[in-house]
N, C-alpha and C. Protein backbone atom coordinates (compact mmCIF):
# COMPACT_ATOMS: atom_id res chain seq x y z
N MET A 1 0.84 -1.18 0.00
CA MET A 1 0.00 0.00 0.00
C MET A 1 0.89 1.24 0.00
N ARG A 2 0.29 2.32 -0.45
CA ARG A 2 0.97 3.60 -0.54
C ARG A 2 0.17 4.65 0.21
N VAL A 3 0.87 5.56 0.86
CA VAL A 3 0.20 6.62 1.60
C VAL A 3 0.63 7.96 1.03
N GLY A 4 -0.34 8.82 0.79
CA GLY A 4 -0.09 10.20 0.40
C GLY A 4 -0.50 11.11 1.53
N ILE A 5 0.32 12.10 1.80
CA ILE A 5 0.08 13.04 2.90
C ILE A 5 -0.03 14.45 2.34
N TYR A 6 -1.03 15.19 2.80
CA TYR A 6 -1.10 16.63 2.57
C TYR A 6 -1.14 17.27 3.94
N ASP A 7 -0.03 17.91 4.33
CA ASP A 7 0.12 18.39 5.70
C ASP A 7 -0.34 19.82 5.87
N HIS A 8 -0.69 20.11 7.10
CA HIS A 8 -1.04 21.45 7.57
C HIS A 8 -0.25 21.68 8.85
N PHE A 9 -0.50 22.77 9.56
CA PHE A 9 0.20 23.02 10.82
C PHE A 9 -0.31 22.06 11.89
N GLY A 10 0.43 21.01 12.16
CA GLY A 10 0.10 20.10 13.25
C GLY A 10 -0.84 18.97 12.92
N TRP A 11 -1.32 18.91 11.69
CA TRP A 11 -2.19 17.81 11.28
C TRP A 11 -2.02 17.60 9.78
N ALA A 12 -2.55 16.48 9.31
CA ALA A 12 -2.43 16.17 7.88
C ALA A 12 -3.59 15.30 7.42
N VAL A 13 -3.86 15.38 6.15
CA VAL A 13 -4.77 14.45 5.48
C VAL A 13 -3.90 13.29 4.99
N ALA A 14 -4.33 12.07 5.26
CA ALA A 14 -3.61 10.88 4.78
C ALA A 14 -4.57 10.03 3.96
N VAL A 15 -4.13 9.65 2.77
CA VAL A 15 -4.90 8.76 1.91
C VAL A 15 -4.03 7.54 1.62
N THR A 16 -4.58 6.37 1.93
CA THR A 16 -3.88 5.11 1.67
C THR A 16 -4.56 4.43 0.49
N CYS A 17 -3.76 3.98 -0.45
CA CYS A 17 -4.32 3.35 -1.64
C CYS A 17 -3.48 2.16 -2.07
N THR A 18 -4.07 1.37 -2.94
CA THR A 18 -3.35 0.27 -3.57
C THR A 18 -2.59 0.83 -4.76
N GLU A 19 -1.79 0.01 -5.38
CA GLU A 19 -0.98 0.45 -6.51
C GLU A 19 -1.83 0.96 -7.68
N ASP A 20 -3.05 0.42 -7.82
CA ASP A 20 -3.91 0.84 -8.93
C ASP A 20 -4.78 2.06 -8.59
N GLY A 21 -4.67 2.58 -7.36
CA GLY A 21 -5.39 3.78 -6.99
C GLY A 21 -6.67 3.56 -6.21
N SER A 22 -6.95 2.34 -5.81
CA SER A 22 -8.13 2.09 -4.98
C SER A 22 -7.86 2.61 -3.58
N VAL A 23 -8.71 3.50 -3.11
CA VAL A 23 -8.56 4.08 -1.78
C VAL A 23 -9.04 3.07 -0.74
N VAL A 24 -8.16 2.73 0.19
CA VAL A 24 -8.53 1.79 1.25
C VAL A 24 -8.69 2.49 2.59
N ASP A 25 -8.20 3.72 2.70
CA ASP A 25 -8.32 4.46 3.95
C ASP A 25 -8.04 5.93 3.68
N ARG A 26 -8.73 6.77 4.41
CA ARG A 26 -8.43 8.20 4.42
C ARG A 26 -8.76 8.68 5.82
N ARG A 27 -7.89 9.54 6.32
CA ARG A 27 -8.09 10.02 7.69
C ARG A 27 -7.27 11.28 7.95
N ARG A 28 -7.61 11.89 9.04
CA ARG A 28 -6.84 13.03 9.55
C ARG A 28 -5.83 12.48 10.54
N LEU A 29 -4.58 12.92 10.40
CA LEU A 29 -3.52 12.53 11.32
C LEU A 29 -3.14 13.73 12.17
N GLU A 30 -3.04 13.52 13.46
CA GLU A 30 -2.54 14.58 14.34
C GLU A 30 -1.02 14.43 14.39
N LEU A 31 -0.31 15.51 14.11
CA LEU A 31 1.15 15.50 14.04
C LEU A 31 1.81 16.14 15.26
N VAL A 32 1.01 16.56 16.20
CA VAL A 32 1.50 17.12 17.46
C VAL A 32 0.45 16.79 18.52
N GLU A 33 0.89 16.59 19.72
CA GLU A 33 -0.04 16.22 20.79
C GLU A 33 -0.98 17.37 21.14
N ALA A 34 -2.16 17.00 21.63
CA ALA A 34 -3.17 17.99 22.02
C ALA A 34 -2.59 18.94 23.06
N GLY A 35 -2.92 20.21 22.91
CA GLY A 35 -2.48 21.21 23.87
C GLY A 35 -1.09 21.77 23.63
N VAL A 36 -0.39 21.25 22.62
CA VAL A 36 0.96 21.72 22.31
C VAL A 36 0.85 22.73 21.15
N LEU A 37 1.57 23.82 21.29
CA LEU A 37 1.60 24.85 20.26
C LEU A 37 2.02 24.22 18.93
N ASN A 38 1.28 24.50 17.85
CA ASN A 38 1.58 23.83 16.59
C ASN A 38 2.50 24.62 15.65
N ALA A 39 2.74 25.89 15.94
CA ALA A 39 3.58 26.70 15.05
C ALA A 39 4.55 27.54 15.87
N PRO A 40 5.56 26.92 16.47
CA PRO A 40 6.45 27.65 17.38
C PRO A 40 7.32 28.72 16.72
N ILE A 41 7.55 28.64 15.44
CA ILE A 41 8.32 29.67 14.75
C ILE A 41 7.38 30.79 14.30
N HIS A 42 6.30 30.42 13.65
CA HIS A 42 5.37 31.41 13.09
C HIS A 42 4.60 32.15 14.18
N HIS A 43 4.22 31.45 15.25
CA HIS A 43 3.49 32.04 16.37
C HIS A 43 4.09 31.52 17.67
N PRO A 44 5.21 32.10 18.11
CA PRO A 44 5.92 31.56 19.28
C PRO A 44 5.30 31.88 20.63
N GLY A 45 4.15 32.52 20.66
CA GLY A 45 3.51 32.81 21.93
C GLY A 45 4.36 33.73 22.80
N GLU A 46 4.63 33.28 24.02
CA GLU A 46 5.37 34.09 24.99
C GLU A 46 6.88 34.08 24.75
N ALA A 47 7.37 33.15 23.95
CA ALA A 47 8.81 33.06 23.68
C ALA A 47 9.25 34.27 22.88
N LYS A 48 10.28 34.96 23.37
CA LYS A 48 10.73 36.19 22.71
C LYS A 48 12.15 36.09 22.17
N THR A 49 13.05 35.44 22.90
CA THR A 49 14.44 35.37 22.47
C THR A 49 14.65 34.13 21.61
N VAL A 50 15.74 34.10 20.89
CA VAL A 50 16.09 32.93 20.08
C VAL A 50 16.21 31.70 20.98
N GLU A 51 16.79 31.87 22.16
CA GLU A 51 16.96 30.74 23.10
C GLU A 51 15.60 30.22 23.56
N GLU A 52 14.67 31.12 23.86
CA GLU A 52 13.33 30.70 24.29
C GLU A 52 12.58 30.00 23.16
N VAL A 53 12.70 30.54 21.96
CA VAL A 53 12.04 29.91 20.81
C VAL A 53 12.68 28.55 20.54
N SER A 54 13.99 28.44 20.64
CA SER A 54 14.68 27.15 20.43
C SER A 54 14.19 26.11 21.42
N ALA A 55 14.04 26.49 22.68
CA ALA A 55 13.53 25.56 23.69
C ALA A 55 12.10 25.15 23.37
N LEU A 56 11.29 26.09 22.91
CA LEU A 56 9.92 25.80 22.51
C LEU A 56 9.89 24.85 21.32
N VAL A 57 10.71 25.11 20.33
CA VAL A 57 10.80 24.24 19.15
C VAL A 57 11.19 22.82 19.58
N ASP A 58 12.12 22.69 20.49
CA ASP A 58 12.53 21.36 20.97
C ASP A 58 11.35 20.62 21.61
N ARG A 59 10.55 21.32 22.41
CA ARG A 59 9.38 20.69 23.05
C ARG A 59 8.34 20.27 22.00
N VAL A 60 8.10 21.15 21.04
CA VAL A 60 7.13 20.83 19.98
C VAL A 60 7.64 19.68 19.12
N LEU A 61 8.92 19.68 18.83
CA LEU A 61 9.52 18.61 18.04
C LEU A 61 9.39 17.26 18.74
N ALA A 62 9.64 17.20 20.02
CA ALA A 62 9.50 15.95 20.78
C ALA A 62 8.05 15.49 20.75
N SER A 63 7.11 16.41 20.94
CA SER A 63 5.70 16.08 20.88
C SER A 63 5.31 15.59 19.48
N SER A 64 5.84 16.26 18.47
CA SER A 64 5.54 15.89 17.09
C SER A 64 6.05 14.48 16.76
N ARG A 65 7.23 14.15 17.24
CA ARG A 65 7.75 12.80 16.99
C ARG A 65 6.86 11.74 17.63
N ARG A 66 6.39 11.99 18.85
CA ARG A 66 5.49 11.03 19.51
C ARG A 66 4.16 10.92 18.78
N ALA A 67 3.54 12.05 18.49
CA ALA A 67 2.23 12.04 17.84
C ALA A 67 2.31 11.47 16.43
N THR A 68 3.34 11.84 15.68
CA THR A 68 3.49 11.35 14.31
C THR A 68 3.76 9.85 14.32
N GLY A 69 4.58 9.38 15.25
CA GLY A 69 4.82 7.94 15.36
C GLY A 69 3.54 7.18 15.61
N GLU A 70 2.72 7.68 16.52
CA GLU A 70 1.44 7.03 16.81
C GLU A 70 0.51 7.08 15.60
N ALA A 71 0.45 8.23 14.94
CA ALA A 71 -0.42 8.38 13.77
C ALA A 71 -0.01 7.46 12.63
N LEU A 72 1.29 7.40 12.32
CA LEU A 72 1.73 6.55 11.22
C LEU A 72 1.62 5.08 11.58
N ARG A 73 1.86 4.74 12.83
CA ARG A 73 1.69 3.35 13.26
C ARG A 73 0.24 2.89 13.03
N SER A 74 -0.70 3.80 13.26
CA SER A 74 -2.11 3.44 13.07
C SER A 74 -2.43 3.12 11.61
N LEU A 75 -1.67 3.69 10.68
CA LEU A 75 -1.89 3.38 9.26
C LEU A 75 -1.52 1.94 8.94
N GLY A 76 -0.60 1.38 9.69
CA GLY A 76 -0.20 -0.01 9.48
C GLY A 76 -1.33 -1.00 9.71
N ASN A 77 -2.38 -0.57 10.43
CA ASN A 77 -3.53 -1.44 10.64
C ASN A 77 -4.30 -1.70 9.36
N VAL A 78 -4.12 -0.84 8.36
CA VAL A 78 -4.79 -0.99 7.08
C VAL A 78 -4.13 -2.09 6.25
N GLY A 79 -2.84 -2.26 6.40
CA GLY A 79 -2.07 -3.24 5.65
C GLY A 79 -0.63 -2.77 5.56
N PRO A 80 0.23 -3.58 4.97
CA PRO A 80 1.64 -3.19 4.88
C PRO A 80 1.83 -1.96 3.98
N ILE A 81 2.56 -0.99 4.51
CA ILE A 81 2.80 0.26 3.79
C ILE A 81 4.18 0.20 3.15
N ALA A 82 4.24 0.55 1.86
CA ALA A 82 5.51 0.55 1.13
C ALA A 82 6.10 1.95 1.02
N SER A 83 5.22 2.97 0.90
CA SER A 83 5.75 4.31 0.68
C SER A 83 4.88 5.38 1.31
N LEU A 84 5.51 6.52 1.54
CA LEU A 84 4.84 7.71 2.06
C LEU A 84 5.25 8.88 1.19
N SER A 85 4.27 9.58 0.65
CA SER A 85 4.53 10.73 -0.21
C SER A 85 4.24 12.02 0.54
N LEU A 86 5.19 12.95 0.50
CA LEU A 86 5.10 14.22 1.22
C LEU A 86 5.38 15.39 0.29
N ARG A 87 4.79 16.54 0.61
CA ARG A 87 5.14 17.75 -0.15
C ARG A 87 6.63 18.02 0.02
N VAL A 88 7.22 18.56 -1.01
CA VAL A 88 8.66 18.82 -1.03
C VAL A 88 9.08 19.71 0.15
N CYS A 89 10.24 19.43 0.70
CA CYS A 89 10.73 20.09 1.92
C CYS A 89 11.68 21.25 1.69
N ALA A 90 11.74 21.82 0.54
CA ALA A 90 12.59 22.98 0.26
C ALA A 90 14.06 22.71 0.58
N PRO A 91 14.79 22.13 -0.34
CA PRO A 91 16.21 21.88 -0.12
C PRO A 91 16.94 23.17 0.21
N GLY A 92 17.89 23.07 1.12
CA GLY A 92 18.67 24.23 1.50
C GLY A 92 17.98 25.15 2.50
N PHE A 93 16.83 24.73 3.00
CA PHE A 93 16.12 25.55 3.98
C PHE A 93 16.97 25.65 5.24
N PRO A 94 17.09 26.82 5.83
CA PRO A 94 17.97 26.98 7.00
C PRO A 94 17.54 26.11 8.18
N THR A 95 18.52 25.61 8.90
CA THR A 95 18.25 24.77 10.07
C THR A 95 18.39 25.53 11.38
N GLU A 96 19.04 26.68 11.35
CA GLU A 96 19.23 27.49 12.56
C GLU A 96 17.94 28.24 12.88
N ILE A 97 17.53 28.19 14.15
CA ILE A 97 16.32 28.87 14.58
C ILE A 97 16.39 30.37 14.31
N ALA A 98 17.52 30.99 14.56
CA ALA A 98 17.66 32.44 14.32
C ALA A 98 17.36 32.78 12.87
N ASP A 99 17.79 31.94 11.94
CA ASP A 99 17.51 32.16 10.51
C ASP A 99 16.04 31.91 10.20
N GLN A 100 15.47 30.87 10.80
CA GLN A 100 14.07 30.53 10.55
C GLN A 100 13.10 31.60 11.05
N LEU A 101 13.52 32.36 12.03
CA LEU A 101 12.66 33.41 12.59
C LEU A 101 12.54 34.64 11.68
N ARG A 102 13.39 34.71 10.65
CA ARG A 102 13.37 35.86 9.74
C ARG A 102 12.56 35.54 8.49
N PRO A 103 11.87 36.56 7.94
CA PRO A 103 11.18 36.38 6.66
C PRO A 103 12.21 36.07 5.58
N PRO A 104 11.93 35.29 4.60
CA PRO A 104 10.65 34.64 4.34
C PRO A 104 10.51 33.27 5.01
N TYR A 105 11.52 32.88 5.76
CA TYR A 105 11.56 31.52 6.30
C TYR A 105 10.53 31.26 7.39
N GLU A 106 10.22 32.27 8.21
CA GLU A 106 9.35 32.04 9.36
C GLU A 106 7.96 31.54 8.94
N ALA A 107 7.52 31.86 7.75
CA ALA A 107 6.19 31.43 7.30
C ALA A 107 6.16 29.95 6.93
N ARG A 108 7.32 29.34 6.64
CA ARG A 108 7.34 27.94 6.20
C ARG A 108 8.08 27.00 7.15
N ALA A 109 8.78 27.52 8.12
CA ALA A 109 9.64 26.69 8.97
C ALA A 109 8.87 25.61 9.71
N ASP A 110 7.71 25.93 10.26
CA ASP A 110 6.96 24.93 11.03
C ASP A 110 6.45 23.81 10.11
N ALA A 111 5.92 24.17 8.95
CA ALA A 111 5.43 23.15 8.02
C ALA A 111 6.55 22.23 7.57
N ILE A 112 7.70 22.79 7.28
CA ILE A 112 8.84 21.98 6.85
C ILE A 112 9.29 21.06 7.99
N ARG A 113 9.25 21.55 9.20
CA ARG A 113 9.64 20.71 10.35
C ARG A 113 8.70 19.50 10.45
N TYR A 114 7.39 19.70 10.27
CA TYR A 114 6.45 18.57 10.31
C TYR A 114 6.75 17.56 9.20
N ARG A 115 7.07 18.05 8.03
CA ARG A 115 7.39 17.14 6.92
C ARG A 115 8.65 16.34 7.22
N ARG A 116 9.64 17.00 7.80
CA ARG A 116 10.88 16.29 8.16
C ARG A 116 10.61 15.22 9.22
N VAL A 117 9.75 15.51 10.18
CA VAL A 117 9.40 14.50 11.19
C VAL A 117 8.64 13.35 10.52
N LEU A 118 7.72 13.65 9.63
CA LEU A 118 7.00 12.58 8.91
C LEU A 118 7.98 11.68 8.17
N ALA A 119 8.94 12.30 7.47
CA ALA A 119 9.93 11.53 6.72
C ALA A 119 10.79 10.69 7.65
N GLU A 120 11.21 11.26 8.75
CA GLU A 120 12.05 10.55 9.73
C GLU A 120 11.32 9.33 10.31
N VAL A 121 10.09 9.53 10.72
CA VAL A 121 9.32 8.44 11.33
C VAL A 121 9.00 7.36 10.28
N ALA A 122 8.57 7.77 9.09
CA ALA A 122 8.28 6.80 8.03
C ALA A 122 9.52 6.00 7.67
N GLY A 123 10.65 6.67 7.56
CA GLY A 123 11.91 5.97 7.28
C GLY A 123 12.24 4.96 8.36
N GLY A 124 11.95 5.31 9.61
CA GLY A 124 12.17 4.39 10.73
C GLY A 124 11.31 3.14 10.64
N PHE A 125 10.17 3.25 9.98
CA PHE A 125 9.29 2.09 9.76
C PHE A 125 9.71 1.30 8.53
N GLY A 126 10.72 1.79 7.82
CA GLY A 126 11.17 1.10 6.61
C GLY A 126 10.38 1.48 5.37
N TRP A 127 9.60 2.54 5.44
CA TRP A 127 8.82 2.98 4.29
C TRP A 127 9.69 3.88 3.41
N LYS A 128 9.53 3.76 2.11
CA LYS A 128 10.19 4.68 1.18
C LYS A 128 9.48 6.02 1.28
N VAL A 129 10.24 7.10 1.24
CA VAL A 129 9.67 8.44 1.31
C VAL A 129 9.91 9.14 -0.01
N TRP A 130 8.86 9.67 -0.58
CA TRP A 130 8.93 10.36 -1.86
C TRP A 130 8.34 11.75 -1.68
N GLU A 131 9.01 12.77 -2.20
CA GLU A 131 8.52 14.14 -2.13
C GLU A 131 7.88 14.52 -3.46
N TYR A 132 6.81 15.32 -3.36
CA TYR A 132 6.10 15.74 -4.57
C TYR A 132 5.86 17.25 -4.55
N ASP A 133 5.62 17.79 -5.74
CA ASP A 133 5.28 19.19 -5.92
C ASP A 133 3.76 19.28 -5.93
N ALA A 134 3.18 19.89 -4.90
CA ALA A 134 1.73 19.94 -4.75
C ALA A 134 1.04 20.68 -5.89
N LYS A 135 1.73 21.58 -6.55
CA LYS A 135 1.12 22.33 -7.65
C LYS A 135 1.03 21.51 -8.93
N ARG A 136 1.82 20.45 -9.03
CA ARG A 136 1.88 19.68 -10.28
C ARG A 136 1.39 18.24 -10.16
N VAL A 137 1.35 17.68 -8.97
CA VAL A 137 1.17 16.24 -8.83
C VAL A 137 -0.19 15.74 -9.32
N GLU A 138 -1.24 16.53 -9.13
CA GLU A 138 -2.56 16.06 -9.59
C GLU A 138 -2.60 15.96 -11.11
N ALA A 139 -2.05 16.94 -11.81
CA ALA A 139 -2.00 16.90 -13.27
C ALA A 139 -1.11 15.75 -13.76
N GLU A 140 0.01 15.53 -13.06
CA GLU A 140 0.90 14.42 -13.42
C GLU A 140 0.20 13.07 -13.24
N ALA A 141 -0.54 12.93 -12.16
CA ALA A 141 -1.27 11.68 -11.92
C ALA A 141 -2.37 11.50 -12.96
N ALA A 142 -3.07 12.57 -13.30
CA ALA A 142 -4.12 12.49 -14.31
C ALA A 142 -3.55 12.04 -15.65
N ALA A 143 -2.39 12.58 -16.02
CA ALA A 143 -1.75 12.18 -17.27
C ALA A 143 -1.35 10.70 -17.21
N TRP A 144 -0.82 10.26 -16.07
CA TRP A 144 -0.41 8.87 -15.91
C TRP A 144 -1.62 7.93 -15.94
N LEU A 145 -2.73 8.36 -15.33
CA LEU A 145 -3.94 7.52 -15.27
C LEU A 145 -4.70 7.50 -16.59
N GLY A 146 -4.54 8.51 -17.41
CA GLY A 146 -5.25 8.57 -18.68
C GLY A 146 -6.75 8.61 -18.49
N ASN A 147 -7.48 7.73 -19.20
CA ASN A 147 -8.94 7.76 -19.14
C ASN A 147 -9.50 7.31 -17.79
N ARG A 148 -8.67 6.83 -16.88
CA ARG A 148 -9.12 6.45 -15.53
C ARG A 148 -9.02 7.60 -14.53
N ALA A 149 -8.47 8.73 -14.95
CA ALA A 149 -8.19 9.83 -14.03
C ALA A 149 -9.42 10.30 -13.27
N GLU A 150 -10.50 10.57 -13.97
CA GLU A 150 -11.72 11.06 -13.32
C GLU A 150 -12.22 10.06 -12.28
N GLU A 151 -12.29 8.80 -12.65
CA GLU A 151 -12.78 7.76 -11.74
C GLU A 151 -11.88 7.63 -10.50
N VAL A 152 -10.57 7.58 -10.71
CA VAL A 152 -9.64 7.35 -9.60
C VAL A 152 -9.54 8.57 -8.68
N LEU A 153 -9.41 9.77 -9.25
CA LEU A 153 -9.17 10.96 -8.43
C LEU A 153 -10.44 11.59 -7.85
N TYR A 154 -11.56 11.48 -8.57
CA TYR A 154 -12.81 12.09 -8.11
C TYR A 154 -13.84 11.06 -7.65
N GLY A 155 -13.70 9.82 -8.07
CA GLY A 155 -14.65 8.77 -7.70
C GLY A 155 -14.78 8.51 -6.22
N PRO A 156 -13.70 8.59 -5.43
CA PRO A 156 -13.85 8.34 -4.00
C PRO A 156 -14.87 9.24 -3.30
N LYS A 157 -15.08 10.44 -3.81
CA LYS A 157 -16.08 11.33 -3.19
C LYS A 157 -17.47 10.70 -3.28
N LYS A 158 -17.77 10.08 -4.41
CA LYS A 158 -19.08 9.42 -4.59
C LYS A 158 -19.14 8.12 -3.80
N ARG A 159 -18.07 7.33 -3.85
CA ARG A 159 -18.07 6.02 -3.18
C ARG A 159 -17.97 6.13 -1.66
N LEU A 160 -17.12 7.02 -1.17
CA LEU A 160 -16.84 7.11 0.25
C LEU A 160 -17.61 8.21 0.96
N GLY A 161 -18.09 9.19 0.20
CA GLY A 161 -18.76 10.33 0.80
C GLY A 161 -17.75 11.33 1.33
N PRO A 162 -18.27 12.41 1.92
CA PRO A 162 -17.35 13.41 2.45
C PRO A 162 -16.61 12.88 3.67
N PRO A 163 -15.46 13.42 3.98
CA PRO A 163 -14.79 14.46 3.21
C PRO A 163 -13.98 13.87 2.06
N TRP A 164 -14.00 14.51 0.95
CA TRP A 164 -13.09 14.24 -0.17
C TRP A 164 -12.81 15.58 -0.82
N THR A 165 -11.70 16.20 -0.42
CA THR A 165 -11.37 17.56 -0.85
C THR A 165 -10.17 17.53 -1.79
N LYS A 166 -9.77 18.71 -2.20
CA LYS A 166 -8.57 18.84 -3.02
C LYS A 166 -7.36 18.25 -2.30
N ASP A 167 -7.26 18.44 -0.98
CA ASP A 167 -6.16 17.84 -0.21
C ASP A 167 -6.13 16.33 -0.37
N HIS A 168 -7.31 15.69 -0.34
CA HIS A 168 -7.39 14.24 -0.50
C HIS A 168 -6.95 13.83 -1.90
N ARG A 169 -7.41 14.56 -2.92
CA ARG A 169 -7.01 14.25 -4.31
C ARG A 169 -5.50 14.38 -4.48
N ILE A 170 -4.92 15.43 -3.93
CA ILE A 170 -3.48 15.64 -4.06
C ILE A 170 -2.73 14.52 -3.34
N ALA A 171 -3.18 14.16 -2.15
CA ALA A 171 -2.52 13.06 -1.40
C ALA A 171 -2.62 11.76 -2.18
N LEU A 172 -3.78 11.47 -2.75
CA LEU A 172 -3.94 10.24 -3.56
C LEU A 172 -3.04 10.29 -4.79
N ALA A 173 -3.05 11.41 -5.50
CA ALA A 173 -2.20 11.54 -6.69
C ALA A 173 -0.74 11.30 -6.34
N ALA A 174 -0.30 11.89 -5.24
CA ALA A 174 1.10 11.73 -4.80
C ALA A 174 1.42 10.29 -4.45
N ALA A 175 0.48 9.62 -3.77
CA ALA A 175 0.69 8.21 -3.41
C ALA A 175 0.83 7.35 -4.67
N LEU A 176 0.01 7.63 -5.65
CA LEU A 176 0.05 6.84 -6.90
C LEU A 176 1.37 7.01 -7.65
N LEU A 177 1.94 8.18 -7.59
CA LEU A 177 3.16 8.46 -8.36
C LEU A 177 4.45 8.19 -7.60
N ALA A 178 4.33 7.65 -6.38
CA ALA A 178 5.53 7.39 -5.57
C ALA A 178 6.53 6.57 -6.37
N LYS A 179 7.76 7.03 -6.34
CA LYS A 179 8.85 6.33 -7.06
C LYS A 179 9.56 5.41 -6.07
N PHE A 180 9.78 4.19 -6.49
CA PHE A 180 10.42 3.21 -5.59
C PHE A 180 11.88 3.04 -5.92
């Protein structure tokens, strides 16, 4: 089975499918524990100094690793997972908190951190991790699927009912195109 992820701040849409695109599971995954700040760089709350923000990021990161591990482990109940597809993580993105706090990085630092945790945890499970371009993956999957594109990408909304949003379609498209 293949899993496609479309992440948000602290949560993600996950779509699990077979190699031919049959959706076997879709769900919301929590990527940080309840009550934990989900965007420590973008909205650091009371943290003001780089040191305070760094300590906050460390706490959120630890929480994210626990929550993401639990969330991805739950996907294994559907069947054996071969791959996890994630939005691209911006190569060369700064790793220093002081740099991440400055524009334009502060707007993307938290999201990229969640993707890196997803990749780390999935890799620990032995799953292949593939990154995709969210702006192009649906069109690429439609081209690959040919005359089956409408049925595979939009059919789950009719078969499974709501929710089936653009996030779900993108996650499914990404899962289908995972490179092994």
